[in-house]
Amino acid sequence: MILTHRVVTEVSRELDRQFAGLLSTTVITGCVASAIRDLRGSISGEALPEMAARLARVRLAALVDERAARASS
């Protein structure tokens, strides 16, 4: 549990810088937590932070694209 909290915090900070002004910290943190839940048990604990960051980044980019498409419609 402590490891999960630490990973969520670290990955969320990294992605918050990337998506600043596009998505809220709450959305980013929720996406990171979801990515960790989805990956847990299917990859090694050592790979979890990097893979969670990658998965969350892809999901957040898709969300930004989706919102931009809706806004331009």
N, C-alpha and C. Protein backbone atom coordinates (compact mmCIF):
# COMPACT_ATOMS: atom_id res chain seq x y z
N MET A 1 0.82 -1.19 0.00
CA MET A 1 0.00 0.00 0.00
C MET A 1 0.87 1.26 0.00
N ILE A 2 1.92 1.26 0.83
CA ILE A 2 2.82 2.42 0.87
C ILE A 2 3.51 2.58 -0.46
N LEU A 3 3.96 1.47 -1.05
CA LEU A 3 4.61 1.53 -2.36
C LEU A 3 3.65 2.09 -3.39
N THR A 4 2.41 1.65 -3.38
CA THR A 4 1.42 2.13 -4.33
C THR A 4 1.22 3.64 -4.18
N HIS A 5 1.10 4.12 -2.97
CA HIS A 5 0.92 5.56 -2.74
C HIS A 5 2.12 6.33 -3.25
N ARG A 6 3.31 5.82 -2.99
CA ARG A 6 4.52 6.49 -3.44
C ARG A 6 4.58 6.53 -4.96
N VAL A 7 4.24 5.42 -5.60
CA VAL A 7 4.25 5.37 -7.06
C VAL A 7 3.22 6.32 -7.64
N VAL A 8 2.02 6.33 -7.09
CA VAL A 8 0.98 7.25 -7.57
C VAL A 8 1.46 8.69 -7.45
N THR A 9 2.06 9.03 -6.32
CA THR A 9 2.53 10.40 -6.10
C THR A 9 3.63 10.77 -7.09
N GLU A 10 4.62 9.91 -7.24
CA GLU A 10 5.74 10.22 -8.13
C GLU A 10 5.31 10.32 -9.59
N VAL A 11 4.54 9.35 -10.04
CA VAL A 11 4.10 9.35 -11.43
C VAL A 11 3.16 10.51 -11.70
N SER A 12 2.28 10.80 -10.76
CA SER A 12 1.35 11.92 -10.93
C SER A 12 2.08 13.25 -11.04
N ARG A 13 3.12 13.43 -10.25
CA ARG A 13 3.91 14.67 -10.34
C ARG A 13 4.53 14.81 -11.72
N GLU A 14 5.09 13.73 -12.21
CA GLU A 14 5.71 13.75 -13.54
C GLU A 14 4.69 14.12 -14.62
N LEU A 15 3.55 13.47 -14.58
CA LEU A 15 2.54 13.70 -15.61
C LEU A 15 1.83 15.04 -15.42
N ASP A 16 1.76 15.51 -14.19
CA ASP A 16 1.15 16.81 -13.94
C ASP A 16 1.92 17.91 -14.67
N ARG A 17 3.23 17.80 -14.71
CA ARG A 17 4.04 18.77 -15.45
C ARG A 17 3.73 18.70 -16.95
N GLN A 18 3.58 17.50 -17.45
CA GLN A 18 3.33 17.32 -18.88
C GLN A 18 1.95 17.81 -19.30
N PHE A 19 0.96 17.59 -18.46
CA PHE A 19 -0.42 17.92 -18.83
C PHE A 19 -0.95 19.16 -18.11
N ALA A 20 -0.05 19.95 -17.54
CA ALA A 20 -0.44 21.17 -16.85
C ALA A 20 -1.25 22.07 -17.78
N GLY A 21 -2.35 22.57 -17.28
CA GLY A 21 -3.20 23.45 -18.07
C GLY A 21 -4.18 22.70 -18.98
N LEU A 22 -3.99 21.41 -19.10
CA LEU A 22 -4.88 20.61 -19.95
C LEU A 22 -5.82 19.73 -19.13
N LEU A 23 -5.29 19.19 -18.04
CA LEU A 23 -6.08 18.31 -17.18
C LEU A 23 -5.79 18.65 -15.72
N SER A 24 -6.77 18.42 -14.87
CA SER A 24 -6.60 18.72 -13.45
C SER A 24 -5.72 17.66 -12.78
N THR A 25 -5.15 18.04 -11.67
CA THR A 25 -4.34 17.10 -10.89
C THR A 25 -5.18 15.92 -10.45
N THR A 26 -6.43 16.15 -10.14
CA THR A 26 -7.33 15.08 -9.72
C THR A 26 -7.52 14.05 -10.83
N VAL A 27 -7.72 14.51 -12.05
CA VAL A 27 -7.90 13.60 -13.19
C VAL A 27 -6.61 12.81 -13.41
N ILE A 28 -5.48 13.48 -13.34
CA ILE A 28 -4.20 12.82 -13.57
C ILE A 28 -3.94 11.77 -12.49
N THR A 29 -4.14 12.12 -11.24
CA THR A 29 -3.91 11.17 -10.16
C THR A 29 -4.84 9.97 -10.26
N GLY A 30 -6.09 10.20 -10.61
CA GLY A 30 -7.03 9.11 -10.79
C GLY A 30 -6.63 8.18 -11.92
N CYS A 31 -6.13 8.75 -12.99
CA CYS A 31 -5.69 7.94 -14.12
C CYS A 31 -4.47 7.10 -13.75
N VAL A 32 -3.55 7.69 -13.00
CA VAL A 32 -2.37 6.95 -12.56
C VAL A 32 -2.77 5.80 -11.63
N ALA A 33 -3.65 6.06 -10.70
CA ALA A 33 -4.11 5.01 -9.78
C ALA A 33 -4.80 3.89 -10.55
N SER A 34 -5.59 4.25 -11.55
CA SER A 34 -6.26 3.26 -12.37
C SER A 34 -5.25 2.41 -13.16
N ALA A 35 -4.23 3.05 -13.70
CA ALA A 35 -3.20 2.33 -14.44
C ALA A 35 -2.48 1.34 -13.53
N ILE A 36 -2.18 1.76 -12.31
CA ILE A 36 -1.51 0.86 -11.37
C ILE A 36 -2.40 -0.33 -11.04
N ARG A 37 -3.68 -0.09 -10.79
CA ARG A 37 -4.60 -1.20 -10.51
C ARG A 37 -4.66 -2.16 -11.69
N ASP A 38 -4.71 -1.62 -12.90
CA ASP A 38 -4.81 -2.47 -14.08
C ASP A 38 -3.55 -3.30 -14.32
N LEU A 39 -2.40 -2.77 -13.94
CA LEU A 39 -1.13 -3.46 -14.20
C LEU A 39 -0.69 -4.38 -13.07
N ARG A 40 -1.16 -4.11 -11.86
CA ARG A 40 -0.71 -4.89 -10.71
C ARG A 40 -0.96 -6.38 -10.93
N GLY A 41 0.08 -7.15 -10.67
CA GLY A 41 -0.03 -8.60 -10.81
C GLY A 41 0.35 -9.11 -12.19
N SER A 42 0.36 -8.23 -13.19
CA SER A 42 0.70 -8.69 -14.54
C SER A 42 2.13 -8.33 -14.93
N ILE A 43 2.78 -7.48 -14.14
CA ILE A 43 4.19 -7.13 -14.38
C ILE A 43 4.92 -7.12 -13.04
N SER A 44 6.24 -7.10 -13.09
CA SER A 44 7.01 -7.09 -11.84
C SER A 44 6.82 -5.76 -11.12
N GLY A 45 6.97 -5.79 -9.81
CA GLY A 45 6.87 -4.59 -9.01
C GLY A 45 7.90 -3.54 -9.39
N GLU A 46 9.05 -4.01 -9.84
CA GLU A 46 10.11 -3.08 -10.25
C GLU A 46 9.73 -2.31 -11.50
N ALA A 47 8.98 -2.93 -12.40
CA ALA A 47 8.58 -2.29 -13.65
C ALA A 47 7.31 -1.46 -13.50
N LEU A 48 6.62 -1.63 -12.38
CA LEU A 48 5.32 -0.98 -12.20
C LEU A 48 5.36 0.55 -12.36
N PRO A 49 6.30 1.27 -11.75
CA PRO A 49 6.27 2.73 -11.92
C PRO A 49 6.40 3.17 -13.38
N GLU A 50 7.35 2.61 -14.09
CA GLU A 50 7.55 3.00 -15.48
C GLU A 50 6.37 2.62 -16.36
N MET A 51 5.86 1.42 -16.20
CA MET A 51 4.75 0.98 -17.02
C MET A 51 3.46 1.74 -16.68
N ALA A 52 3.27 2.05 -15.40
CA ALA A 52 2.09 2.84 -15.01
C ALA A 52 2.18 4.23 -15.61
N ALA A 53 3.37 4.81 -15.61
CA ALA A 53 3.55 6.14 -16.21
C ALA A 53 3.24 6.09 -17.70
N ARG A 54 3.71 5.07 -18.38
CA ARG A 54 3.46 4.95 -19.82
C ARG A 54 1.98 4.77 -20.12
N LEU A 55 1.34 3.87 -19.38
CA LEU A 55 -0.08 3.61 -19.60
C LEU A 55 -0.91 4.86 -19.29
N ALA A 56 -0.63 5.50 -18.18
CA ALA A 56 -1.38 6.70 -17.81
C ALA A 56 -1.15 7.81 -18.83
N ARG A 57 0.07 7.96 -19.33
CA ARG A 57 0.38 9.00 -20.32
C ARG A 57 -0.46 8.79 -21.60
N VAL A 58 -0.55 7.55 -22.04
CA VAL A 58 -1.34 7.25 -23.24
C VAL A 58 -2.81 7.55 -22.99
N ARG A 59 -3.31 7.15 -21.84
CA ARG A 59 -4.73 7.39 -21.52
C ARG A 59 -5.02 8.88 -21.39
N LEU A 60 -4.12 9.62 -20.76
CA LEU A 60 -4.33 11.06 -20.59
C LEU A 60 -4.26 11.79 -21.93
N ALA A 61 -3.33 11.39 -22.78
CA ALA A 61 -3.24 12.00 -24.11
C ALA A 61 -4.51 11.74 -24.91
N ALA A 62 -5.06 10.54 -24.79
CA ALA A 62 -6.31 10.23 -25.47
C ALA A 62 -7.45 11.09 -24.93
N LEU A 63 -7.46 11.31 -23.63
CA LEU A 63 -8.49 12.15 -23.02
C LEU A 63 -8.38 13.60 -23.51
N VAL A 64 -7.17 14.11 -23.59
CA VAL A 64 -6.95 15.47 -24.10
C VAL A 64 -7.44 15.56 -25.55
N ASP A 65 -7.09 14.57 -26.37
CA ASP A 65 -7.52 14.55 -27.76
C ASP A 65 -9.04 14.49 -27.88
N GLU A 66 -9.65 13.66 -27.03
CA GLU A 66 -11.11 13.52 -27.04
C GLU A 66 -11.79 14.85 -26.68
N ARG A 67 -11.27 15.50 -25.67
CA ARG A 67 -11.85 16.78 -25.25
C ARG A 67 -11.66 17.85 -26.34
N ALA A 68 -10.51 17.84 -27.00
CA ALA A 68 -10.26 18.80 -28.07
C ALA A 68 -11.20 18.56 -29.24
N ALA A 69 -11.44 17.30 -29.56
CA ALA A 69 -12.34 16.96 -30.66
C ALA A 69 -13.77 17.41 -30.35
N ARG A 70 -14.19 17.20 -29.12
CA ARG A 70 -15.53 17.64 -28.71
C ARG A 70 -15.66 19.14 -28.75
N ALA A 71 -14.61 19.83 -28.34
CA ALA A 71 -14.64 21.29 -28.30
C ALA A 71 -14.70 21.89 -29.70
N SER A 72 -14.12 21.20 -30.68
CA SER A 72 -14.10 21.74 -32.04
C SER A 72 -15.32 21.34 -32.85
N SER A 73 -16.17 20.48 -32.27
CA SER A 73 -17.38 20.03 -32.99
C SER A 73 -18.48 21.05 -32.90
